[in-house]
Structure formats: C-alpha cells, structure tokens
Amino acid sequence: MLYFKPLDEIDKIEAERLWNVAVPGYSIGRLPAMGFKGLSVDPCRQIIKRWPDSFYAFQAKRMLGSLPERYQMRYKVTDEEKDLTRFFKPRKGTQPMQFKEQN
C-alpha cells in the first residue's frame, strides 16, 4: 500500500503534461548523442518540486533512480530525489492506493 496526495484537476493536467515529456525523454535519452538532462531529468525534478506527495512524484523518483549510475552522477541526482520511503506511510492529506508494477 502506498500513500499519495490527490491533485486537483489543474495540477493533475500539469503534472501529466510534464510526465508525458519525461517518459519518451527517458527513451530518447538512451541514444548516444542525446543524454537525459532536459528530456527526462528536468521534468522529473519539476514534478517532485511542485507535487512532492503525488503519484507523479513517486513515478518521477523511480525514473531518476533507474537512470544509469553515470548519468545520476553527471546530473547530480541526489539520494533524496530517489528516496521513495515517504510514500510507504500515511501523511496528512494523503490517501492509500494499491500500486501494481507494470511490465
């Protein structure tokens, strides 16, 4: 069980827009000449900063944690940016949600 703060309609649309940039950006970032910075790292950081308790922040932290180690070092991805522990316990304003890993 994970705990997330629900977003209002406007915030959900904005978070989803950034997430929809980060996901394909992650795939494109794997290309030798591209890199991940502007394509996925920056949108993930924006999501984490604006909606830290949301499902989108959880996904963004997972994405930053899944970057190859050399890119984590290059873009100075911090342990805090990858830490998912906050989502495993209830916090003020959060609601429980079942999370299934998608393959």
C-alpha atoms as a PDB file:
ATOM      1  CA  MET A   1       0.000   0.000   0.000  1.00  0.00           C
ATOM      2  CA  LEU A   2       1.296   3.439  -0.952  1.00  0.00           C
ATOM      3  CA  TYR A   3       0.037   6.870   0.081  1.00  0.00           C
ATOM      4  CA  PHE A   4      -0.396   9.833  -2.273  1.00  0.00           C
ATOM      5  CA  LYS A   5      -1.927  13.258  -2.044  1.00  0.00           C
ATOM      6  CA  PRO A   6      -4.672  13.637  -4.661  1.00  0.00           C
ATOM      7  CA  LEU A   7      -4.222  16.515  -7.095  1.00  0.00           C
ATOM      8  CA  ASP A   8      -6.918  18.891  -8.225  1.00  0.00           C
ATOM      9  CA  GLU A   9      -7.839  18.825 -11.914  1.00  0.00           C
ATOM     10  CA  ILE A  10      -5.478  21.645 -12.999  1.00  0.00           C
ATOM     11  CA  ASP A  11      -2.480  20.247 -11.116  1.00  0.00           C
ATOM     12  CA  LYS A  12      -3.198  16.762 -12.446  1.00  0.00           C
ATOM     13  CA  ILE A  13      -3.223  18.069 -16.030  1.00  0.00           C
ATOM     14  CA  GLU A  14       0.049  19.960 -15.496  1.00  0.00           C
ATOM     15  CA  ALA A  15       1.754  17.001 -13.773  1.00  0.00           C
ATOM     16  CA  GLU A  16       0.588  14.655 -16.505  1.00  0.00           C
ATOM     17  CA  ARG A  17       1.902  17.026 -19.182  1.00  0.00           C
ATOM     18  CA  LEU A  18       5.368  17.020 -17.590  1.00  0.00           C
ATOM     19  CA  TRP A  19       5.245  13.249 -17.104  1.00  0.00           C
ATOM     20  CA  ASN A  20       4.338  12.834 -20.775  1.00  0.00           C
ATOM     21  CA  VAL A  21       7.548  14.709 -21.627  1.00  0.00           C
ATOM     22  CA  ALA A  22       9.707  12.691 -19.214  1.00  0.00           C
ATOM     23  CA  VAL A  23       8.636   9.203 -20.330  1.00  0.00           C
ATOM     24  CA  PRO A  24       9.567   9.461 -24.020  1.00  0.00           C
ATOM     25  CA  GLY A  25      12.519  11.635 -22.996  1.00  0.00           C
ATOM     26  CA  TYR A  26      13.858   8.718 -20.999  1.00  0.00           C
ATOM     27  CA  SER A  27      13.827   6.501 -24.086  1.00  0.00           C
ATOM     28  CA  ILE A  28      15.353   9.204 -26.279  1.00  0.00           C
ATOM     29  CA  GLY A  29      17.986   9.941 -23.618  1.00  0.00           C
ATOM     30  CA  ARG A  30      19.437   6.482 -24.116  1.00  0.00           C
ATOM     31  CA  LEU A  31      20.638   7.488 -27.577  1.00  0.00           C
ATOM     32  CA  PRO A  32      24.393   8.205 -27.548  1.00  0.00           C
ATOM     33  CA  ALA A  33      24.227  11.850 -28.606  1.00  0.00           C
ATOM     34  CA  MET A  34      21.162  12.850 -26.557  1.00  0.00           C
ATOM     35  CA  GLY A  35      21.503  12.393 -22.789  1.00  0.00           C
ATOM     36  CA  PHE A  36      18.718  12.555 -20.232  1.00  0.00           C
ATOM     37  CA  LYS A  37      19.029  16.064 -18.728  1.00  0.00           C
ATOM     38  CA  GLY A  38      16.449  18.216 -20.487  1.00  0.00           C
ATOM     39  CA  LEU A  39      14.404  15.310 -21.735  1.00  0.00           C
ATOM     40  CA  SER A  40      13.622  13.468 -18.507  1.00  0.00           C
ATOM     41  CA  VAL A  41      15.659  14.687 -15.513  1.00  0.00           C
ATOM     42  CA  ASP A  42      14.392  18.275 -15.603  1.00  0.00           C
ATOM     43  CA  PRO A  43      10.684  17.362 -15.969  1.00  0.00           C
ATOM     44  CA  CYS A  44      11.032  14.812 -13.148  1.00  0.00           C
ATOM     45  CA  ARG A  45      12.605  17.420 -10.885  1.00  0.00           C
ATOM     46  CA  GLN A  46       9.807  19.869 -11.667  1.00  0.00           C
ATOM     47  CA  ILE A  47       7.195  17.259 -10.765  1.00  0.00           C
ATOM     48  CA  ILE A  48       8.937  16.384  -7.489  1.00  0.00           C
ATOM     49  CA  LYS A  49       9.247  20.049  -6.540  1.00  0.00           C
ATOM     50  CA  ARG A  50       5.652  21.058  -7.366  1.00  0.00           C
ATOM     51  CA  TRP A  51       3.756  17.935  -6.240  1.00  0.00           C
ATOM     52  CA  PRO A  52       6.058  16.098  -3.784  1.00  0.00           C
ATOM     53  CA  ASP A  53       3.363  13.832  -2.317  1.00  0.00           C
ATOM     54  CA  SER A  54       1.687  12.892  -5.597  1.00  0.00           C
ATOM     55  CA  PHE A  55       1.691   9.670  -7.576  1.00  0.00           C
ATOM     56  CA  TYR A  56       3.569  11.605 -10.293  1.00  0.00           C
ATOM     57  CA  ALA A  57       6.380  12.440  -7.835  1.00  0.00           C
ATOM     58  CA  PHE A  58       6.595   8.752  -6.924  1.00  0.00           C
ATOM     59  CA  GLN A  59       6.963   7.844 -10.599  1.00  0.00           C
ATOM     60  CA  ALA A  60       9.469  10.670 -11.185  1.00  0.00           C
ATOM     61  CA  LYS A  61      11.618   9.487  -8.274  1.00  0.00           C
ATOM     62  CA  ARG A  62      11.500   5.942  -9.644  1.00  0.00           C
ATOM     63  CA  MET A  63      12.629   7.211 -13.040  1.00  0.00           C
ATOM     64  CA  LEU A  64      15.539   9.191 -11.579  1.00  0.00           C
ATOM     65  CA  GLY A  65      16.566   6.123  -9.583  1.00  0.00           C
ATOM     66  CA  SER A  66      16.535   3.964 -12.696  1.00  0.00           C
ATOM     67  CA  LEU A  67      18.963   6.167 -14.622  1.00  0.00           C
ATOM     68  CA  PRO A  68      22.331   4.522 -15.228  1.00  0.00           C
ATOM     69  CA  GLU A  69      24.753   5.420 -12.430  1.00  0.00           C
ATOM     70  CA  ARG A  70      26.992   7.523 -14.695  1.00  0.00           C
ATOM     71  CA  TYR A  71      24.038   9.745 -15.609  1.00  0.00           C
ATOM     72  CA  GLN A  72      22.956  10.028 -11.981  1.00  0.00           C
ATOM     73  CA  MET A  73      26.450  11.293 -11.205  1.00  0.00           C
ATOM     74  CA  ARG A  74      26.567  13.584 -14.267  1.00  0.00           C
ATOM     75  CA  TYR A  75      23.231  15.242 -13.433  1.00  0.00           C
ATOM     76  CA  LYS A  76      23.864  15.183  -9.680  1.00  0.00           C
ATOM     77  CA  VAL A  77      20.759  13.162  -8.850  1.00  0.00           C
ATOM     78  CA  THR A  78      20.584  13.133  -5.058  1.00  0.00           C
ATOM     79  CA  ASP A  79      19.537  10.309  -2.748  1.00  0.00           C
ATOM     80  CA  GLU A  80      16.589  12.475  -1.686  1.00  0.00           C
ATOM     81  CA  GLU A  81      15.425  12.715  -5.311  1.00  0.00           C
ATOM     82  CA  LYS A  82      15.382   8.902  -5.482  1.00  0.00           C
ATOM     83  CA  ASP A  83      14.023   8.178  -1.985  1.00  0.00           C
ATOM     84  CA  LEU A  84      10.592   6.513  -2.067  1.00  0.00           C
ATOM     85  CA  THR A  85      10.187   5.813   1.650  1.00  0.00           C
ATOM     86  CA  ARG A  86       7.774   8.711   2.259  1.00  0.00           C
ATOM     87  CA  PHE A  87       5.163   7.013   0.068  1.00  0.00           C
ATOM     88  CA  PHE A  88       5.014   3.900   2.279  1.00  0.00           C
ATOM     89  CA  LYS A  89       3.414   5.617   5.269  1.00  0.00           C
ATOM     90  CA  PRO A  90       0.335   7.813   5.642  1.00  0.00           C
ATOM     91  CA  ARG A  91       0.905  11.561   5.871  1.00  0.00           C
ATOM     92  CA  LYS A  92      -1.509  14.439   6.305  1.00  0.00           C
ATOM     93  CA  GLY A  93      -3.629  14.840   3.187  1.00  0.00           C
ATOM     94  CA  THR A  94      -2.617  11.534   1.600  1.00  0.00           C
ATOM     95  CA  GLN A  95      -4.832   8.630   0.631  1.00  0.00           C
ATOM     96  CA  PRO A  96      -3.954   4.929   0.343  1.00  0.00           C
ATOM     97  CA  MET A  97      -3.591   3.425  -3.098  1.00  0.00           C
ATOM     98  CA  GLN A  98      -2.761  -0.043  -4.329  1.00  0.00           C
ATOM     99  CA  PHE A  99       0.186   0.072  -6.707  1.00  0.00           C
ATOM    100  CA  LYS A 100       0.875  -2.685  -9.207  1.00  0.00           C
ATOM    101  CA  GLU A 101       4.185  -2.764 -11.012  1.00  0.00           C
ATOM    102  CA  GLN A 102       3.614  -2.653 -14.769  1.00  0.00           C
ATOM    103  CA  ASN A 103       5.925  -4.662 -17.009  1.00  0.00           C
END
